[in-house]
N, C-alpha and C. Protein backbone atom coordinates (compact mmCIF):
# COMPACT_ATOMS: atom_id res chain seq x y z
N MET A 1 23.44 -52.05 -4.71
CA MET A 1 22.11 -51.58 -5.02
C MET A 1 21.40 -51.09 -3.76
N ASN A 2 21.71 -51.70 -2.65
CA ASN A 2 21.09 -51.35 -1.39
C ASN A 2 21.46 -49.93 -0.96
N ARG A 3 22.74 -49.57 -1.17
CA ARG A 3 23.21 -48.23 -0.81
C ARG A 3 22.54 -47.17 -1.69
N LEU A 4 22.38 -47.46 -2.95
CA LEU A 4 21.75 -46.53 -3.87
C LEU A 4 20.31 -46.25 -3.44
N GLY A 5 19.63 -47.26 -2.96
CA GLY A 5 18.26 -47.10 -2.48
C GLY A 5 18.17 -46.15 -1.30
N LEU A 6 19.23 -46.01 -0.51
CA LEU A 6 19.23 -45.09 0.62
C LEU A 6 19.44 -43.64 0.16
N PHE A 7 20.20 -43.44 -0.88
CA PHE A 7 20.53 -42.08 -1.32
C PHE A 7 19.46 -41.46 -2.22
N VAL A 8 18.66 -42.25 -2.89
CA VAL A 8 17.63 -41.71 -3.77
C VAL A 8 16.62 -40.85 -2.99
N PRO A 9 16.05 -41.33 -1.89
CA PRO A 9 15.12 -40.46 -1.14
C PRO A 9 15.80 -39.19 -0.62
N LEU A 10 17.03 -39.32 -0.17
CA LEU A 10 17.77 -38.15 0.32
C LEU A 10 18.01 -37.15 -0.81
N ALA A 11 18.37 -37.62 -1.99
CA ALA A 11 18.60 -36.74 -3.13
C ALA A 11 17.29 -36.06 -3.56
N LEU A 12 16.19 -36.81 -3.56
CA LEU A 12 14.89 -36.21 -3.91
C LEU A 12 14.49 -35.14 -2.90
N PHE A 13 14.71 -35.40 -1.63
CA PHE A 13 14.40 -34.43 -0.59
C PHE A 13 15.23 -33.16 -0.78
N ALA A 14 16.52 -33.31 -1.06
CA ALA A 14 17.40 -32.16 -1.28
C ALA A 14 16.96 -31.37 -2.51
N LEU A 15 16.53 -32.05 -3.56
CA LEU A 15 16.05 -31.39 -4.76
C LEU A 15 14.78 -30.58 -4.47
N ILE A 16 13.87 -31.16 -3.72
CA ILE A 16 12.63 -30.46 -3.36
C ILE A 16 12.95 -29.21 -2.54
N LEU A 17 13.86 -29.32 -1.58
CA LEU A 17 14.27 -28.16 -0.79
C LEU A 17 14.88 -27.08 -1.66
N ALA A 18 15.74 -27.45 -2.59
CA ALA A 18 16.39 -26.48 -3.46
C ALA A 18 15.37 -25.77 -4.35
N ILE A 19 14.43 -26.50 -4.90
CA ILE A 19 13.39 -25.89 -5.74
C ILE A 19 12.55 -24.93 -4.90
N GLY A 20 12.20 -25.34 -3.71
CA GLY A 20 11.42 -24.48 -2.82
C GLY A 20 12.17 -23.21 -2.45
N TYR A 21 13.44 -23.36 -2.14
CA TYR A 21 14.24 -22.21 -1.73
C TYR A 21 14.45 -21.23 -2.87
N PHE A 22 14.88 -21.70 -4.01
CA PHE A 22 15.19 -20.82 -5.12
C PHE A 22 13.95 -20.43 -5.93
N GLY A 23 12.98 -21.29 -5.99
CA GLY A 23 11.80 -21.02 -6.79
C GLY A 23 10.83 -20.04 -6.16
N PHE A 24 10.79 -19.98 -4.85
CA PHE A 24 9.83 -19.12 -4.17
C PHE A 24 10.48 -17.97 -3.43
N GLN A 25 11.75 -17.77 -3.60
CA GLN A 25 12.46 -16.71 -2.91
C GLN A 25 12.09 -15.35 -3.51
N LEU A 26 11.80 -14.37 -2.64
CA LEU A 26 11.52 -13.00 -3.06
C LEU A 26 12.76 -12.17 -2.81
N ASP A 27 13.15 -11.35 -3.78
CA ASP A 27 14.30 -10.48 -3.60
C ASP A 27 14.02 -9.42 -2.55
N ASP A 28 12.80 -8.88 -2.51
CA ASP A 28 12.44 -7.82 -1.60
C ASP A 28 11.06 -8.15 -1.03
N PRO A 29 10.96 -8.38 0.28
CA PRO A 29 9.66 -8.75 0.84
C PRO A 29 8.62 -7.66 0.72
N HIS A 30 9.02 -6.40 0.48
CA HIS A 30 8.06 -5.32 0.31
C HIS A 30 7.55 -5.25 -1.12
N ARG A 31 8.06 -6.07 -1.99
CA ARG A 31 7.60 -6.11 -3.37
C ARG A 31 6.86 -7.42 -3.63
N LEU A 32 5.90 -7.69 -2.79
CA LEU A 32 5.08 -8.87 -3.00
C LEU A 32 4.26 -8.66 -4.27
N PRO A 33 4.09 -9.68 -5.06
CA PRO A 33 3.37 -9.51 -6.31
C PRO A 33 1.92 -9.09 -6.06
N SER A 34 1.41 -8.25 -6.92
CA SER A 34 0.02 -7.83 -6.82
C SER A 34 -0.66 -8.11 -8.15
N ALA A 35 -1.79 -8.76 -8.07
CA ALA A 35 -2.57 -9.04 -9.27
C ALA A 35 -3.20 -7.77 -9.83
N LEU A 36 -3.18 -6.67 -9.04
CA LEU A 36 -3.84 -5.44 -9.48
C LEU A 36 -2.96 -4.53 -10.33
N ILE A 37 -1.64 -4.73 -10.33
CA ILE A 37 -0.77 -3.84 -11.09
C ILE A 37 -1.18 -3.90 -12.57
N GLY A 38 -1.42 -2.71 -13.14
CA GLY A 38 -1.83 -2.62 -14.53
C GLY A 38 -3.31 -2.85 -14.76
N LYS A 39 -4.06 -3.03 -13.67
CA LYS A 39 -5.50 -3.28 -13.78
C LYS A 39 -6.27 -2.19 -13.05
N PRO A 40 -7.56 -2.05 -13.35
CA PRO A 40 -8.36 -1.05 -12.66
C PRO A 40 -8.50 -1.37 -11.17
N PHE A 41 -8.50 -0.32 -10.37
CA PHE A 41 -8.80 -0.46 -8.95
C PHE A 41 -10.19 -1.08 -8.85
N PRO A 42 -10.39 -2.03 -7.92
CA PRO A 42 -11.69 -2.73 -7.87
C PRO A 42 -12.87 -1.79 -7.58
N ASN A 43 -14.03 -2.19 -8.04
CA ASN A 43 -15.26 -1.49 -7.68
C ASN A 43 -15.52 -1.71 -6.20
N PHE A 44 -16.02 -0.68 -5.54
CA PHE A 44 -16.31 -0.78 -4.11
C PHE A 44 -17.33 0.29 -3.76
N ALA A 45 -17.87 0.19 -2.57
CA ALA A 45 -18.72 1.23 -1.98
C ALA A 45 -18.38 1.24 -0.50
N ALA A 46 -17.92 2.39 0.00
CA ALA A 46 -17.52 2.49 1.41
C ALA A 46 -17.90 3.86 1.96
N GLU A 47 -18.27 3.89 3.20
CA GLU A 47 -18.62 5.13 3.88
C GLU A 47 -17.36 5.88 4.28
N ARG A 48 -17.47 7.19 4.36
CA ARG A 48 -16.36 8.03 4.79
C ARG A 48 -16.27 8.03 6.31
N LEU A 49 -15.06 8.06 6.82
CA LEU A 49 -14.80 8.08 8.25
C LEU A 49 -15.35 9.36 8.89
N ASP A 50 -15.26 10.47 8.15
CA ASP A 50 -15.73 11.75 8.69
C ASP A 50 -17.24 11.92 8.58
N GLY A 51 -17.91 10.97 7.93
CA GLY A 51 -19.36 11.03 7.80
C GLY A 51 -19.86 12.05 6.79
N GLU A 52 -18.94 12.75 6.12
CA GLU A 52 -19.36 13.76 5.14
C GLU A 52 -19.72 13.09 3.82
N GLY A 53 -20.34 13.88 2.94
CA GLY A 53 -20.71 13.37 1.63
C GLY A 53 -22.11 12.78 1.66
N SER A 54 -22.63 12.54 0.50
CA SER A 54 -23.96 11.95 0.41
C SER A 54 -23.82 10.55 -0.17
N GLY A 55 -23.94 9.58 0.66
CA GLY A 55 -23.83 8.20 0.23
C GLY A 55 -22.40 7.70 0.24
N PRO A 56 -22.22 6.44 -0.12
CA PRO A 56 -20.88 5.85 -0.08
C PRO A 56 -19.96 6.36 -1.19
N VAL A 57 -18.67 6.30 -0.93
CA VAL A 57 -17.66 6.59 -1.94
C VAL A 57 -17.52 5.35 -2.81
N ARG A 58 -17.36 5.58 -4.10
CA ARG A 58 -17.22 4.48 -5.06
C ARG A 58 -15.96 4.68 -5.90
N ARG A 59 -15.61 3.65 -6.64
CA ARG A 59 -14.42 3.72 -7.50
C ARG A 59 -14.44 4.96 -8.40
N ALA A 60 -15.59 5.29 -8.96
CA ALA A 60 -15.71 6.43 -9.87
C ALA A 60 -15.28 7.73 -9.19
N ASP A 61 -15.41 7.81 -7.87
CA ASP A 61 -15.01 9.02 -7.14
C ASP A 61 -13.50 9.19 -7.09
N LEU A 62 -12.75 8.17 -7.44
CA LEU A 62 -11.28 8.23 -7.41
C LEU A 62 -10.69 8.63 -8.76
N LEU A 63 -11.51 8.68 -9.79
CA LEU A 63 -11.02 8.94 -11.14
C LEU A 63 -10.79 10.42 -11.39
N GLY A 64 -9.95 10.72 -12.37
CA GLY A 64 -9.75 12.09 -12.80
C GLY A 64 -8.36 12.65 -12.54
N SER A 65 -7.68 12.14 -11.53
CA SER A 65 -6.31 12.55 -11.24
C SER A 65 -5.65 11.43 -10.46
N PRO A 66 -4.31 11.41 -10.46
CA PRO A 66 -3.62 10.36 -9.69
C PRO A 66 -3.99 10.43 -8.21
N VAL A 67 -3.97 9.28 -7.57
CA VAL A 67 -4.34 9.21 -6.15
C VAL A 67 -3.52 8.13 -5.46
N LEU A 68 -3.13 8.42 -4.23
CA LEU A 68 -2.51 7.41 -3.36
C LEU A 68 -3.59 6.87 -2.45
N ILE A 69 -3.74 5.56 -2.40
CA ILE A 69 -4.68 4.90 -1.49
C ILE A 69 -3.82 4.23 -0.42
N ASN A 70 -3.97 4.69 0.83
CA ASN A 70 -3.16 4.18 1.93
C ASN A 70 -4.03 3.40 2.91
N VAL A 71 -3.74 2.11 3.06
CA VAL A 71 -4.46 1.24 3.98
C VAL A 71 -3.74 1.33 5.33
N TRP A 72 -4.48 1.71 6.39
CA TRP A 72 -3.86 1.95 7.70
C TRP A 72 -4.84 1.59 8.82
N ALA A 73 -4.30 1.54 10.05
CA ALA A 73 -5.13 1.26 11.22
C ALA A 73 -4.43 1.80 12.47
N THR A 74 -5.22 2.11 13.49
CA THR A 74 -4.65 2.60 14.74
C THR A 74 -3.89 1.52 15.49
N TRP A 75 -4.24 0.26 15.27
CA TRP A 75 -3.58 -0.86 15.96
C TRP A 75 -2.25 -1.24 15.30
N CYS A 76 -1.89 -0.56 14.23
CA CYS A 76 -0.72 -0.92 13.43
C CYS A 76 0.46 0.00 13.78
N PRO A 77 1.49 -0.52 14.47
CA PRO A 77 2.63 0.33 14.83
C PRO A 77 3.40 0.84 13.61
N THR A 78 3.45 0.08 12.54
CA THR A 78 4.15 0.52 11.33
C THR A 78 3.40 1.68 10.68
N CYS A 79 2.08 1.71 10.82
CA CYS A 79 1.29 2.83 10.29
C CYS A 79 1.66 4.12 11.02
N LYS A 80 1.89 4.04 12.30
CA LYS A 80 2.32 5.22 13.06
C LYS A 80 3.68 5.67 12.58
N ALA A 81 4.59 4.75 12.33
CA ALA A 81 5.92 5.09 11.84
C ALA A 81 5.85 5.74 10.46
N GLU A 82 4.90 5.35 9.65
CA GLU A 82 4.73 5.87 8.29
C GLU A 82 4.03 7.22 8.27
N HIS A 83 3.28 7.53 9.29
CA HIS A 83 2.37 8.67 9.30
C HIS A 83 3.06 10.00 9.02
N ASP A 84 4.21 10.24 9.63
CA ASP A 84 4.93 11.50 9.39
C ASP A 84 5.32 11.65 7.93
N GLU A 85 5.67 10.55 7.27
CA GLU A 85 6.02 10.62 5.85
C GLU A 85 4.80 10.99 5.02
N LEU A 86 3.64 10.47 5.35
CA LEU A 86 2.43 10.85 4.63
C LEU A 86 2.12 12.33 4.81
N LEU A 87 2.31 12.84 6.02
CA LEU A 87 2.13 14.28 6.26
C LEU A 87 3.11 15.09 5.43
N ARG A 88 4.33 14.60 5.30
CA ARG A 88 5.36 15.27 4.50
C ARG A 88 5.01 15.23 3.01
N ILE A 89 4.54 14.07 2.53
CA ILE A 89 4.15 13.93 1.12
C ILE A 89 3.06 14.93 0.78
N ARG A 90 2.16 15.15 1.72
CA ARG A 90 1.07 16.11 1.52
C ARG A 90 1.63 17.48 1.10
N THR A 91 2.84 17.84 1.61
CA THR A 91 3.44 19.14 1.29
C THR A 91 4.29 19.10 0.02
N LEU A 92 4.58 17.91 -0.49
CA LEU A 92 5.51 17.77 -1.62
C LEU A 92 4.85 17.66 -2.98
N ALA A 93 3.60 17.25 -3.01
CA ALA A 93 2.94 17.04 -4.30
C ALA A 93 1.44 17.22 -4.16
N PRO A 94 0.82 17.83 -5.15
CA PRO A 94 -0.64 17.99 -5.11
C PRO A 94 -1.35 16.70 -5.57
N VAL A 95 -1.18 15.66 -4.78
CA VAL A 95 -1.81 14.38 -5.09
C VAL A 95 -2.83 14.08 -4.00
N ARG A 96 -3.96 13.54 -4.40
CA ARG A 96 -4.95 13.14 -3.41
C ARG A 96 -4.43 11.92 -2.66
N ILE A 97 -4.59 11.94 -1.35
CA ILE A 97 -4.25 10.80 -0.52
C ILE A 97 -5.53 10.37 0.17
N ILE A 98 -5.96 9.16 -0.14
CA ILE A 98 -7.19 8.61 0.42
C ILE A 98 -6.80 7.49 1.36
N GLY A 99 -7.29 7.55 2.58
CA GLY A 99 -7.02 6.50 3.56
C GLY A 99 -8.11 5.44 3.53
N VAL A 100 -7.69 4.22 3.81
CA VAL A 100 -8.64 3.12 4.03
C VAL A 100 -8.37 2.64 5.44
N ASN A 101 -9.26 2.98 6.37
CA ASN A 101 -9.09 2.59 7.76
C ASN A 101 -9.54 1.14 7.89
N TYR A 102 -8.56 0.26 8.05
CA TYR A 102 -8.69 -1.19 7.87
C TYR A 102 -8.90 -1.91 9.20
N LYS A 103 -10.04 -2.61 9.30
CA LYS A 103 -10.36 -3.45 10.46
C LYS A 103 -10.10 -2.70 11.77
N ASP A 104 -10.69 -1.54 11.88
CA ASP A 104 -10.41 -0.64 13.00
C ASP A 104 -11.72 -0.10 13.56
N ASP A 105 -11.62 0.53 14.70
CA ASP A 105 -12.74 1.20 15.34
C ASP A 105 -12.77 2.64 14.81
N PRO A 106 -13.84 3.04 14.13
CA PRO A 106 -13.88 4.39 13.55
C PRO A 106 -13.66 5.51 14.58
N ALA A 107 -14.18 5.36 15.78
CA ALA A 107 -13.99 6.40 16.81
C ALA A 107 -12.51 6.52 17.18
N LYS A 108 -11.83 5.40 17.32
CA LYS A 108 -10.39 5.43 17.61
C LYS A 108 -9.63 6.06 16.45
N ALA A 109 -10.03 5.76 15.23
CA ALA A 109 -9.36 6.30 14.05
C ALA A 109 -9.50 7.82 13.99
N ARG A 110 -10.69 8.33 14.28
CA ARG A 110 -10.89 9.78 14.27
C ARG A 110 -10.04 10.45 15.34
N ARG A 111 -9.98 9.86 16.54
CA ARG A 111 -9.14 10.42 17.62
C ARG A 111 -7.66 10.39 17.22
N TRP A 112 -7.23 9.30 16.60
CA TRP A 112 -5.84 9.14 16.17
C TRP A 112 -5.46 10.23 15.18
N LEU A 113 -6.33 10.50 14.21
CA LEU A 113 -6.07 11.54 13.21
C LEU A 113 -6.06 12.94 13.86
N ASP A 114 -6.93 13.16 14.83
CA ASP A 114 -6.93 14.44 15.55
C ASP A 114 -5.62 14.63 16.31
N GLU A 115 -5.11 13.56 16.90
CA GLU A 115 -3.89 13.64 17.71
C GLU A 115 -2.62 13.76 16.87
N TYR A 116 -2.51 12.98 15.80
CA TYR A 116 -1.26 12.91 15.03
C TYR A 116 -1.27 13.71 13.73
N GLY A 117 -2.41 14.26 13.35
CA GLY A 117 -2.51 15.00 12.09
C GLY A 117 -3.17 14.13 11.04
N ASP A 118 -3.76 14.80 10.07
CA ASP A 118 -4.52 14.08 9.04
C ASP A 118 -3.98 14.41 7.65
N PRO A 119 -3.21 13.50 7.05
CA PRO A 119 -2.67 13.75 5.72
C PRO A 119 -3.66 13.43 4.59
N TYR A 120 -4.82 12.89 4.95
CA TYR A 120 -5.74 12.35 3.96
C TYR A 120 -6.75 13.39 3.48
N ASP A 121 -7.15 13.27 2.21
CA ASP A 121 -8.27 14.06 1.72
C ASP A 121 -9.54 13.57 2.41
N PHE A 122 -9.65 12.27 2.54
CA PHE A 122 -10.70 11.63 3.34
C PHE A 122 -10.31 10.18 3.56
N ASN A 123 -11.01 9.54 4.50
CA ASN A 123 -10.77 8.13 4.82
C ASN A 123 -12.02 7.32 4.58
N LEU A 124 -11.82 6.10 4.13
CA LEU A 124 -12.91 5.14 3.96
C LEU A 124 -12.90 4.18 5.13
N ILE A 125 -14.07 3.77 5.55
CA ILE A 125 -14.20 2.79 6.63
C ILE A 125 -14.22 1.39 6.01
N ASP A 126 -13.29 0.54 6.45
CA ASP A 126 -13.26 -0.87 6.03
C ASP A 126 -13.22 -1.73 7.30
N ALA A 127 -14.25 -1.59 8.11
CA ALA A 127 -14.28 -2.23 9.43
C ALA A 127 -14.19 -3.75 9.36
N ASP A 128 -14.80 -4.35 8.36
CA ASP A 128 -14.79 -5.81 8.26
C ASP A 128 -13.69 -6.34 7.35
N GLY A 129 -12.93 -5.46 6.72
CA GLY A 129 -11.83 -5.88 5.85
C GLY A 129 -12.25 -6.31 4.46
N ALA A 130 -13.51 -6.08 4.08
CA ALA A 130 -13.99 -6.53 2.76
C ALA A 130 -13.26 -5.82 1.62
N LEU A 131 -13.04 -4.52 1.74
CA LEU A 131 -12.30 -3.80 0.70
C LEU A 131 -10.86 -4.30 0.65
N GLY A 132 -10.29 -4.54 1.82
CA GLY A 132 -8.93 -5.09 1.87
C GLY A 132 -8.81 -6.42 1.13
N VAL A 133 -9.82 -7.25 1.25
CA VAL A 133 -9.82 -8.53 0.52
C VAL A 133 -9.83 -8.27 -0.98
N GLU A 134 -10.66 -7.34 -1.43
CA GLU A 134 -10.72 -7.00 -2.86
C GLU A 134 -9.37 -6.49 -3.37
N LEU A 135 -8.64 -5.80 -2.49
CA LEU A 135 -7.35 -5.23 -2.87
C LEU A 135 -6.20 -6.21 -2.73
N GLY A 136 -6.45 -7.37 -2.13
CA GLY A 136 -5.38 -8.33 -1.90
C GLY A 136 -4.42 -7.85 -0.83
N VAL A 137 -4.95 -7.14 0.16
CA VAL A 137 -4.12 -6.59 1.23
C VAL A 137 -3.58 -7.71 2.10
N TYR A 138 -2.25 -7.66 2.34
CA TYR A 138 -1.59 -8.62 3.23
C TYR A 138 -1.71 -8.16 4.66
N GLY A 139 -1.80 -6.87 4.90
CA GLY A 139 -1.89 -6.26 6.22
C GLY A 139 -1.59 -4.78 6.08
N ALA A 140 -1.75 -4.06 7.17
CA ALA A 140 -1.49 -2.62 7.13
C ALA A 140 -0.04 -2.36 7.55
N PRO A 141 0.59 -1.32 7.01
CA PRO A 141 0.12 -0.46 5.94
C PRO A 141 0.44 -1.03 4.56
N GLU A 142 -0.39 -0.65 3.63
CA GLU A 142 -0.14 -0.90 2.22
C GLU A 142 -0.64 0.33 1.47
N THR A 143 0.04 0.65 0.38
CA THR A 143 -0.31 1.85 -0.39
C THR A 143 -0.35 1.50 -1.87
N PHE A 144 -1.36 2.02 -2.53
CA PHE A 144 -1.56 1.85 -3.97
C PHE A 144 -1.49 3.21 -4.63
N LEU A 145 -0.79 3.30 -5.75
CA LEU A 145 -0.79 4.51 -6.56
C LEU A 145 -1.63 4.24 -7.80
N LEU A 146 -2.64 5.07 -8.00
CA LEU A 146 -3.53 4.95 -9.15
C LEU A 146 -3.28 6.10 -10.11
N ASN A 147 -3.37 5.83 -11.40
CA ASN A 147 -3.32 6.91 -12.38
C ASN A 147 -4.70 7.55 -12.48
N ALA A 148 -4.83 8.58 -13.31
CA ALA A 148 -6.09 9.32 -13.42
C ALA A 148 -7.26 8.44 -13.88
N GLY A 149 -6.97 7.37 -14.59
CA GLY A 149 -8.01 6.45 -15.05
C GLY A 149 -8.38 5.39 -14.03
N GLY A 150 -7.73 5.41 -12.86
CA GLY A 150 -8.06 4.45 -11.81
C GLY A 150 -7.32 3.13 -11.92
N GLU A 151 -6.27 3.08 -12.74
CA GLU A 151 -5.47 1.87 -12.88
C GLU A 151 -4.37 1.86 -11.82
N VAL A 152 -4.13 0.72 -11.21
CA VAL A 152 -3.08 0.58 -10.21
C VAL A 152 -1.73 0.52 -10.93
N VAL A 153 -0.84 1.48 -10.62
CA VAL A 153 0.46 1.51 -11.27
C VAL A 153 1.60 1.14 -10.32
N PHE A 154 1.32 1.11 -9.01
CA PHE A 154 2.35 0.76 -8.03
C PHE A 154 1.67 0.34 -6.74
N LYS A 155 2.30 -0.63 -6.06
CA LYS A 155 1.82 -1.06 -4.75
C LYS A 155 3.01 -1.18 -3.82
N GLN A 156 2.87 -0.61 -2.63
CA GLN A 156 3.90 -0.72 -1.60
C GLN A 156 3.33 -1.50 -0.42
N VAL A 157 3.94 -2.61 -0.11
CA VAL A 157 3.58 -3.37 1.08
C VAL A 157 4.54 -2.92 2.18
N GLY A 158 3.99 -2.44 3.28
CA GLY A 158 4.82 -1.90 4.35
C GLY A 158 4.84 -0.38 4.26
N ALA A 159 5.59 0.21 5.17
CA ALA A 159 5.61 1.67 5.31
C ALA A 159 6.25 2.36 4.12
N ILE A 160 5.70 3.52 3.79
CA ILE A 160 6.33 4.44 2.85
C ILE A 160 7.31 5.27 3.65
N ASP A 161 8.53 5.39 3.17
CA ASP A 161 9.52 6.27 3.79
C ASP A 161 10.07 7.20 2.72
N SER A 162 11.03 8.03 3.07
CA SER A 162 11.55 9.01 2.11
C SER A 162 12.19 8.34 0.90
N HIS A 163 12.80 7.17 1.09
CA HIS A 163 13.41 6.47 -0.04
C HIS A 163 12.35 5.93 -1.00
N ILE A 164 11.29 5.36 -0.48
CA ILE A 164 10.19 4.87 -1.33
C ILE A 164 9.57 6.05 -2.08
N TRP A 165 9.40 7.16 -1.37
CA TRP A 165 8.87 8.37 -2.03
C TRP A 165 9.75 8.78 -3.20
N GLN A 166 11.06 8.92 -2.94
CA GLN A 166 11.99 9.43 -3.94
C GLN A 166 12.21 8.47 -5.10
N ARG A 167 12.27 7.18 -4.81
CA ARG A 167 12.63 6.21 -5.85
C ARG A 167 11.45 5.61 -6.59
N GLU A 168 10.31 5.53 -5.93
CA GLU A 168 9.18 4.82 -6.52
C GLU A 168 7.98 5.71 -6.84
N ILE A 169 7.54 6.48 -5.86
CA ILE A 169 6.28 7.20 -6.02
C ILE A 169 6.46 8.53 -6.75
N ALA A 170 7.40 9.37 -6.30
CA ALA A 170 7.59 10.69 -6.93
C ALA A 170 7.87 10.58 -8.43
N PRO A 171 8.76 9.68 -8.88
CA PRO A 171 8.98 9.59 -10.33
C PRO A 171 7.73 9.17 -11.10
N ARG A 172 6.94 8.29 -10.53
CA ARG A 172 5.71 7.86 -11.21
C ARG A 172 4.71 9.02 -11.29
N LEU A 173 4.59 9.78 -10.20
CA LEU A 173 3.70 10.94 -10.22
C LEU A 173 4.16 11.96 -11.24
N ALA A 174 5.46 12.23 -11.27
CA ALA A 174 6.01 13.18 -12.23
C ALA A 174 5.73 12.73 -13.65
N ALA A 175 5.85 11.43 -13.91
CA ALA A 175 5.56 10.90 -15.25
C ALA A 175 4.09 11.06 -15.61
N MET A 176 3.23 11.17 -14.60
CA MET A 176 1.79 11.38 -14.84
C MET A 176 1.44 12.87 -14.88
N GLY A 177 2.48 13.74 -14.83
CA GLY A 177 2.23 15.17 -14.94
C GLY A 177 1.97 15.88 -13.63
N VAL A 178 2.17 15.21 -12.51
CA VAL A 178 1.98 15.85 -11.21
C VAL A 178 3.28 16.55 -10.82
N PRO A 179 3.23 17.87 -10.53
CA PRO A 179 4.45 18.55 -10.10
C PRO A 179 4.88 18.03 -8.73
N VAL A 180 6.13 17.58 -8.65
CA VAL A 180 6.60 16.91 -7.44
C VAL A 180 7.87 17.58 -6.95
N ASP A 181 7.91 17.85 -5.65
CA ASP A 181 9.14 18.26 -4.98
C ASP A 181 9.72 16.96 -4.45
N GLY A 182 10.96 16.66 -4.78
CA GLY A 182 11.58 15.41 -4.35
C GLY A 182 11.59 15.24 -2.86
N GLY A 183 11.58 16.35 -2.12
CA GLY A 183 11.49 16.28 -0.67
C GLY A 183 12.64 15.57 -0.03
N GLU A 184 13.83 15.73 -0.60
CA GLU A 184 14.99 15.05 -0.03
C GLU A 184 15.36 15.69 1.29
N LYS A 185 15.53 14.86 2.30
CA LYS A 185 15.97 15.33 3.61
C LYS A 185 17.48 15.46 3.58
N SER A 186 18.02 16.37 4.35
CA SER A 186 19.48 16.49 4.40
C SER A 186 20.03 15.19 4.92
N GLY A 187 21.07 14.72 4.27
CA GLY A 187 21.69 13.46 4.65
C GLY A 187 21.16 12.28 3.88
N ASP A 188 20.05 12.44 3.17
CA ASP A 188 19.54 11.32 2.36
C ASP A 188 20.42 11.16 1.14
N ALA A 189 20.79 9.96 0.89
CA ALA A 189 21.57 9.69 -0.32
C ALA A 189 20.64 9.11 -1.37
N GLY A 190 20.79 9.52 -2.59
CA GLY A 190 19.90 9.04 -3.66
C GLY A 190 20.37 7.79 -4.19
């Protein structure tokens, strides 16, 4: 009986580890669950980075056609790696791309866009991260695809690359009636 008493705690510990390992394992770390999928994009009010427009941009301003919402920052090296793909997407589909400049210095963000190119229709300022909290942002970059009614249909945590474009975003846009060029690079395998 004494030996059994030694193995019970060890067996319970092993069971807890197994449940933790298998129960919380994610197949793809870029597919973190989002409570927003299938729900309306949250209400918000944010100023534009370029200072244009009269008053803050609101959720209603995003309605009417599909839109990509890209959360980015100048301090984010992955955002720089993603930037060329966003510029390329701009040439592949007539979809609005709205940036959310996340926890960043607006002056640095404007200089960054001048230097590297601007794929966005416009950018929203989220200096304190409040909009990011509403979106459940884990960090930059993150991208949301909204349908014309403002419902979130896809979320990408991490950089968008040509494979994410071809496999996830382009087919969804095409299903929403947006004419899409697949934009396959030579050497890309489908």
